[in-house]
Amino acid sequence: MPDIAVKTIKCSSCGASLTGISSWKPTVCDYCGSAVIVELPPETASALADRPRCVGFRIDAAQAVERLKAWLKSSFWAPGDLASTARTDEQAEIYVPAWEVKVDVETAWQGARSETRYRRVSKTRTDPQTGRTERYEEDEPYKEWYPASGTRHGSYAEMINASGALTQQETSALMPWDTGAEAGEEDLAAALGRGRRMEEPSVSEAEATTRAREIIEGKERAECGKLIERLDSASTKFGEFVARRAILPVWVFRYQYKGKVQRAVMNGQTGELHGERPVSGLKVALAIAIPIVIIAGIVIVSMLMK
């Protein structure tokens, strides 16, 4: 990778640290639009040599904007003029940091299964015409429970968000990215030279491994729950964790609608979008009012027909 002069700025509002070419002159944060940004001293600027392989963007600027406009139109609850009046000219191509954590697991589970059986029971009932009470017998179903246990094996590859500005929910909503050997690879220095930015990770390998463990334990318990009627416990043993740093291509949009800034993010490979959209107060009010009017009309008609 050729040498290139870079600099890193830190946003005091959202906490993101972004690296770009040294000639980059940012005035606001690409993530949140805050003007409270600080340029870090040169000695803390990112060294590109130790960065992981750079998976390239497949969605260009024109395609990204068109997809954003279509997405703005796609929500029934959004204002009708959202797509036509929203300012969508603030966007950035950012390489977002993440950890790809792989591990094999073995989960021992315990629970119970049931069999439906019947027992003869005595009951009473009252004759509605005579008012007399009589006793009778019938077969009543009940469940008889039996202990059960087993072992489940699984393999996981979890993508753990390492961004200081994006949430795990946002990262998960944009999955998957193609980080395999067949994915197009870009020269990071050249990409930064073309105006792209790279966010510095805010999550360590140890933190990413801990988060992956928690996510996988939850998934394993859910999978074990599918194997047995009643799951009582699930204990997961983990193999060796293998964590690999990744930088994921993401389009970050800041668009304005009636003076309010909203954010949307897009997978730079697939075009998958996730973000904030304003809600039309009129549509919500109509959705509440229409059923009420209909019910009131039915009640009035029923009363008039009596």
Protein backbone atom coordinates (compact mmCIF):
# COMPACT_ATOMS: atom_id res chain seq x y z
CA MET A 1 0.00 0.00 0.00
CA PRO A 2 1.54 3.35 -0.98
CA ASP A 3 2.27 6.01 1.64
CA ILE A 4 -0.39 8.68 1.97
CA ALA A 5 -0.75 11.60 4.35
CA VAL A 6 -3.95 11.32 6.39
CA LYS A 7 -5.59 13.04 9.32
CA THR A 8 -8.20 12.01 11.86
CA ILE A 9 -10.98 14.14 13.31
CA LYS A 10 -13.12 13.33 16.34
CA CYS A 11 -16.73 14.45 16.69
CA SER A 12 -17.47 15.76 20.18
CA SER A 13 -21.19 15.13 19.63
CA CYS A 14 -21.50 11.49 18.48
CA GLY A 15 -17.96 10.38 19.36
CA ALA A 16 -16.98 9.09 15.90
CA SER A 17 -13.34 9.31 14.81
CA LEU A 18 -13.00 9.64 11.04
CA THR A 19 -9.84 9.39 8.98
CA GLY A 20 -9.42 11.02 5.59
CA ILE A 21 -6.75 12.34 3.26
CA SER A 22 -4.71 15.21 4.74
CA SER A 23 -6.19 17.76 2.31
CA TRP A 24 -9.71 16.96 3.58
CA LYS A 25 -11.23 20.04 5.24
CA PRO A 26 -14.32 18.88 7.14
CA THR A 27 -16.72 21.42 8.62
CA VAL A 28 -19.26 18.97 10.07
CA CYS A 29 -19.35 15.33 11.16
CA ASP A 30 -20.40 12.97 8.36
CA TYR A 31 -22.53 10.97 10.79
CA CYS A 32 -24.48 13.52 12.82
CA GLY A 33 -23.85 16.86 11.10
CA SER A 34 -22.39 18.43 14.24
CA ALA A 35 -19.87 21.23 13.71
CA VAL A 36 -18.16 20.40 17.02
CA ILE A 37 -15.27 18.43 15.56
CA VAL A 38 -11.65 18.30 16.68
CA GLU A 39 -8.65 17.48 14.48
CA LEU A 40 -6.37 15.11 16.36
CA PRO A 41 -2.62 15.75 16.55
CA PRO A 42 -0.58 14.27 13.66
CA GLU A 43 0.99 11.57 15.82
CA THR A 44 -2.45 10.03 16.42
CA ALA A 45 -3.37 10.00 12.74
CA SER A 46 -4.24 6.58 11.36
CA ALA A 47 -1.46 4.45 9.92
CA LEU A 48 -2.95 2.67 6.93
CA ALA A 49 -0.42 -0.12 6.79
CA ASP A 50 -2.08 -2.18 9.55
CA ARG A 51 -5.61 -1.90 8.20
CA PRO A 52 -7.56 -5.01 7.13
CA ARG A 53 -8.42 -5.61 3.50
CA CYS A 54 -10.75 -3.01 2.10
CA VAL A 55 -13.95 -4.39 0.55
CA GLY A 56 -15.09 -2.08 -2.19
CA PHE A 57 -18.33 -0.17 -2.82
CA ARG A 58 -20.62 -1.55 -5.54
CA ILE A 59 -23.26 1.21 -5.30
CA ASP A 60 -22.11 4.52 -6.82
CA ALA A 61 -23.32 7.99 -5.81
CA ALA A 62 -26.10 8.25 -8.42
CA GLN A 63 -27.47 4.79 -7.58
CA ALA A 64 -27.30 5.53 -3.85
CA VAL A 65 -29.35 8.74 -4.16
CA GLU A 66 -31.97 7.03 -6.35
CA ARG A 67 -32.33 4.21 -3.84
CA LEU A 68 -32.66 6.73 -1.01
CA LYS A 69 -35.45 8.61 -2.81
CA ALA A 70 -37.29 5.36 -3.53
CA TRP A 71 -36.93 4.39 0.13
CA LEU A 72 -38.32 7.74 1.25
CA LYS A 73 -41.41 7.10 -0.92
CA SER A 74 -41.93 3.55 0.29
CA SER A 75 -43.34 4.28 3.76
CA PHE A 76 -47.11 4.67 3.96
CA TRP A 77 -46.79 6.64 7.21
CA ALA A 78 -44.29 9.17 5.83
CA PRO A 79 -45.50 12.62 4.69
CA GLY A 80 -46.59 12.62 1.03
CA ASP A 81 -44.07 15.30 0.05
CA LEU A 82 -41.10 13.71 1.85
CA ALA A 83 -39.29 12.36 -1.23
CA SER A 84 -39.87 15.50 -3.33
CA THR A 85 -38.93 18.14 -0.75
CA ALA A 86 -36.27 16.47 1.43
CA ARG A 87 -32.72 17.69 0.86
CA THR A 88 -30.68 14.59 0.04
CA ASP A 89 -27.38 16.16 -1.00
CA GLU A 90 -25.42 15.44 2.20
CA GLN A 91 -23.86 12.00 1.89
CA ALA A 92 -20.55 10.30 2.54
CA GLU A 93 -18.87 7.01 1.66
CA ILE A 94 -17.46 5.66 4.90
CA TYR A 95 -15.59 2.48 5.69
CA VAL A 96 -17.22 1.45 8.97
CA PRO A 97 -15.21 -0.69 11.41
CA ALA A 98 -16.43 -4.07 12.59
CA TRP A 99 -15.18 -7.37 13.94
CA GLU A 100 -16.09 -10.66 12.26
CA VAL A 101 -16.10 -13.21 15.08
CA LYS A 102 -16.21 -16.92 14.27
CA VAL A 103 -16.58 -19.78 16.75
CA ASP A 104 -17.88 -23.35 17.06
CA VAL A 105 -20.13 -24.13 20.01
CA GLU A 106 -21.64 -27.08 21.83
CA THR A 107 -24.76 -26.57 23.92
CA ALA A 108 -26.08 -29.06 26.46
CA TRP A 109 -29.76 -28.55 27.08
CA GLN A 110 -32.29 -29.93 29.52
CA GLY A 111 -36.04 -29.74 29.42
CA ALA A 112 -39.18 -31.81 29.36
CA ARG A 113 -41.60 -33.30 26.89
CA SER A 114 -45.21 -34.17 27.55
CA GLU A 115 -47.74 -36.81 26.63
CA THR A 116 -51.46 -36.14 26.68
CA ARG A 117 -53.39 -38.60 28.85
CA TYR A 118 -57.00 -38.77 30.02
CA ARG A 119 -58.58 -39.29 33.39
CA ARG A 120 -62.21 -39.89 34.35
CA VAL A 121 -63.58 -36.99 36.37
CA SER A 122 -66.95 -36.31 37.97
CA LYS A 123 -68.69 -33.01 37.24
CA THR A 124 -72.06 -31.36 37.82
CA ARG A 125 -74.39 -29.49 35.48
CA THR A 126 -77.73 -27.74 35.82
CA ASP A 127 -80.65 -28.36 33.51
CA PRO A 128 -81.67 -24.88 32.22
CA GLN A 129 -85.32 -25.87 31.94
CA THR A 130 -85.92 -27.69 35.23
CA GLY A 131 -83.16 -26.10 37.30
CA ARG A 132 -82.17 -29.53 38.62
CA THR A 133 -78.51 -30.32 39.21
CA GLU A 134 -77.11 -33.64 38.09
CA ARG A 135 -73.73 -35.32 38.23
CA TYR A 136 -72.00 -36.85 35.26
CA GLU A 137 -68.55 -38.19 34.28
CA GLU A 138 -66.31 -37.37 31.35
CA ASP A 139 -62.70 -37.90 30.19
CA GLU A 140 -60.51 -34.88 30.95
CA PRO A 141 -57.16 -34.42 29.15
CA TYR A 142 -53.99 -33.67 31.12
CA LYS A 143 -50.26 -33.57 30.38
CA GLU A 144 -47.74 -35.88 31.91
CA TRP A 145 -44.20 -34.50 31.73
CA TYR A 146 -40.97 -36.49 31.21
CA PRO A 147 -37.41 -35.16 31.47
CA ALA A 148 -35.40 -34.83 28.26
CA SER A 149 -31.90 -33.65 27.41
CA GLY A 150 -29.56 -33.41 24.48
CA THR A 151 -26.60 -31.67 22.86
CA ARG A 152 -26.58 -29.23 19.98
CA HIS A 153 -23.57 -28.24 17.85
CA GLY A 154 -23.35 -24.99 15.92
CA SER A 155 -20.99 -22.71 14.02
CA TYR A 156 -21.31 -18.94 14.03
CA ALA A 157 -19.84 -15.96 12.19
CA GLU A 158 -21.10 -12.81 13.89
CA MET A 159 -20.43 -9.32 12.54
CA ILE A 160 -19.96 -7.08 15.58
CA ASN A 161 -20.27 -3.35 15.12
CA ALA A 162 -17.15 -1.40 16.15
CA SER A 163 -18.43 2.04 15.16
CA GLY A 164 -18.74 4.81 17.70
CA ALA A 165 -21.60 6.42 15.75
CA LEU A 166 -23.61 3.55 14.26
CA THR A 167 -25.52 1.17 16.49
CA GLN A 168 -25.47 -2.63 16.40
CA GLN A 169 -29.10 -2.43 15.26
CA GLU A 170 -28.12 -0.32 12.25
CA THR A 171 -25.23 -2.63 11.36
CA SER A 172 -27.42 -5.73 11.73
CA ALA A 173 -30.16 -4.17 9.58
CA LEU A 174 -27.69 -3.71 6.70
CA MET A 175 -26.32 -7.26 6.73
CA PRO A 176 -24.92 -9.14 5.02
CA TRP A 177 -21.71 -7.82 3.49
CA ASP A 178 -19.58 -9.98 1.24
CA THR A 179 -16.19 -10.09 2.96
CA GLY A 180 -15.01 -13.31 1.33
CA ALA A 181 -12.10 -13.85 -1.00
CA GLU A 182 -14.32 -13.23 -4.03
CA ALA A 183 -15.41 -9.77 -2.85
CA GLY A 184 -13.97 -6.83 -4.77
CA GLU A 185 -10.99 -5.34 -2.94
CA GLU A 186 -9.93 -1.70 -3.09
CA ASP A 187 -6.70 0.06 -2.24
CA LEU A 188 -7.56 1.99 0.93
CA ALA A 189 -5.10 4.81 0.27
CA ALA A 190 -6.52 5.32 -3.22
CA ALA A 191 -10.08 5.21 -1.85
CA LEU A 192 -9.31 7.92 0.72
CA GLY A 193 -7.67 9.93 -2.04
CA ARG A 194 -10.99 9.87 -3.91
CA GLY A 195 -12.79 11.43 -0.95
CA ARG A 196 -13.90 8.42 1.06
CA ARG A 197 -13.44 8.28 4.80
CA MET A 198 -12.66 5.53 7.29
CA GLU A 199 -13.92 5.42 10.85
CA GLU A 200 -11.51 4.32 13.55
CA PRO A 201 -12.80 1.41 15.68
CA SER A 202 -14.17 2.18 19.14
CA VAL A 203 -14.56 -1.48 20.15
CA SER A 204 -11.61 -3.72 20.97
CA GLU A 205 -11.23 -7.36 19.97
CA ALA A 206 -11.93 -8.43 23.56
CA GLU A 207 -15.12 -6.34 23.71
CA ALA A 208 -16.26 -7.70 20.35
CA THR A 209 -15.71 -11.27 21.52
CA THR A 210 -17.74 -10.62 24.67
CA ARG A 211 -20.62 -9.17 22.63
CA ALA A 212 -20.49 -12.07 20.20
CA ARG A 213 -20.63 -14.54 23.10
CA GLU A 214 -23.77 -12.86 24.48
CA ILE A 215 -25.48 -12.84 21.07
CA ILE A 216 -24.61 -16.48 20.38
CA GLU A 217 -25.78 -17.66 23.80
CA GLY A 218 -29.15 -16.08 23.08
CA LYS A 219 -29.33 -17.68 19.64
CA GLU A 220 -28.33 -21.08 20.99
CA ARG A 221 -31.02 -20.96 23.68
CA ALA A 222 -33.58 -20.06 21.02
CA GLU A 223 -32.46 -22.94 18.78
CA CYS A 224 -32.52 -25.40 21.66
CA GLY A 225 -36.01 -24.22 22.49
CA LYS A 226 -37.13 -25.49 19.09
CA LEU A 227 -35.91 -29.00 19.94
CA ILE A 228 -37.98 -29.57 23.05
CA GLU A 229 -41.46 -28.69 24.26
CA ARG A 230 -40.23 -27.03 27.46
CA LEU A 231 -36.64 -25.82 27.76
CA ASP A 232 -35.38 -25.58 31.33
CA SER A 233 -31.68 -24.81 30.81
CA ALA A 234 -29.04 -24.44 28.11
CA SER A 235 -25.31 -24.34 28.80
CA THR A 236 -23.05 -23.37 25.89
CA LYS A 237 -19.38 -24.30 25.62
CA PHE A 238 -17.35 -22.18 23.20
CA GLY A 239 -14.45 -23.28 21.07
CA GLU A 240 -11.64 -20.92 20.11
CA PHE A 241 -12.83 -17.49 19.05
CA VAL A 242 -11.31 -16.20 15.82
CA ALA A 243 -11.82 -12.44 15.40
CA ARG A 244 -10.94 -10.63 12.19
CA ARG A 245 -11.11 -6.90 11.71
CA ALA A 246 -13.28 -5.71 8.87
CA ILE A 247 -14.09 -2.36 7.33
CA LEU A 248 -17.50 -2.30 5.72
CA PRO A 249 -18.58 0.03 2.87
CA VAL A 250 -21.50 2.20 4.04
CA TRP A 251 -23.24 5.19 2.52
CA VAL A 252 -24.25 7.65 5.25
CA PHE A 253 -27.00 10.13 4.37
CA ARG A 254 -28.07 13.17 6.33
CA TYR A 255 -31.24 14.54 4.80
CA GLN A 256 -33.33 17.48 5.91
CA TYR A 257 -37.10 17.69 5.98
CA LYS A 258 -38.78 20.84 7.27
CA GLY A 259 -35.64 21.90 9.09
CA LYS A 260 -35.06 18.62 10.91
CA VAL A 261 -32.02 16.47 10.07
CA GLN A 262 -32.62 12.73 9.70
CA ARG A 263 -30.06 9.96 9.13
CA ALA A 264 -30.14 6.90 6.89
CA VAL A 265 -27.41 4.35 6.21
CA MET A 266 -26.98 2.06 3.21
CA ASN A 267 -24.97 -1.09 2.59
CA GLY A 268 -22.46 0.02 -0.05
CA GLN A 269 -22.53 -3.40 -1.70
CA THR A 270 -26.22 -4.36 -1.73
CA GLY A 271 -28.05 -1.04 -1.40
CA GLU A 272 -29.95 -2.23 1.70
CA LEU A 273 -31.23 0.84 3.57
CA HIS A 274 -32.06 1.54 7.20
CA GLY A 275 -32.82 4.82 8.89
CA GLU A 276 -35.15 7.45 10.24
CA ARG A 277 -38.24 8.66 8.41
CA PRO A 278 -40.64 11.34 9.68
CA VAL A 279 -44.22 10.29 10.33
CA SER A 280 -47.21 12.19 8.97
CA GLY A 281 -49.34 13.43 11.87
CA LEU A 282 -52.33 13.71 9.53
CA LYS A 283 -52.09 10.07 8.45
CA VAL A 284 -51.80 8.89 12.05
CA ALA A 285 -54.79 11.02 13.06
CA LEU A 286 -56.86 9.65 10.17
CA ALA A 287 -55.86 6.08 11.02
CA ILE A 288 -57.21 6.63 14.54
CA ALA A 289 -60.27 8.66 13.55
CA ILE A 290 -61.61 6.52 10.68
CA PRO A 291 -62.24 3.33 12.74
CA ILE A 292 -63.88 5.46 15.45
CA VAL A 293 -66.20 7.07 12.89
CA ILE A 294 -67.06 3.68 11.39
CA ILE A 295 -67.84 2.16 14.80
CA ALA A 296 -69.91 5.20 15.76
CA GLY A 297 -71.83 4.90 12.48
CA ILE A 298 -72.57 1.23 13.12
CA VAL A 299 -73.80 2.01 16.63
CA ILE A 300 -76.07 4.82 15.40
CA VAL A 301 -77.54 2.65 12.61
CA SER A 302 -78.16 -0.18 15.10
CA MET A 303 -79.95 2.18 17.47
CA LEU A 304 -82.12 3.61 14.67
CA MET A 305 -83.15 0.14 13.51
CA LYS A 306 -84.45 -0.86 16.93
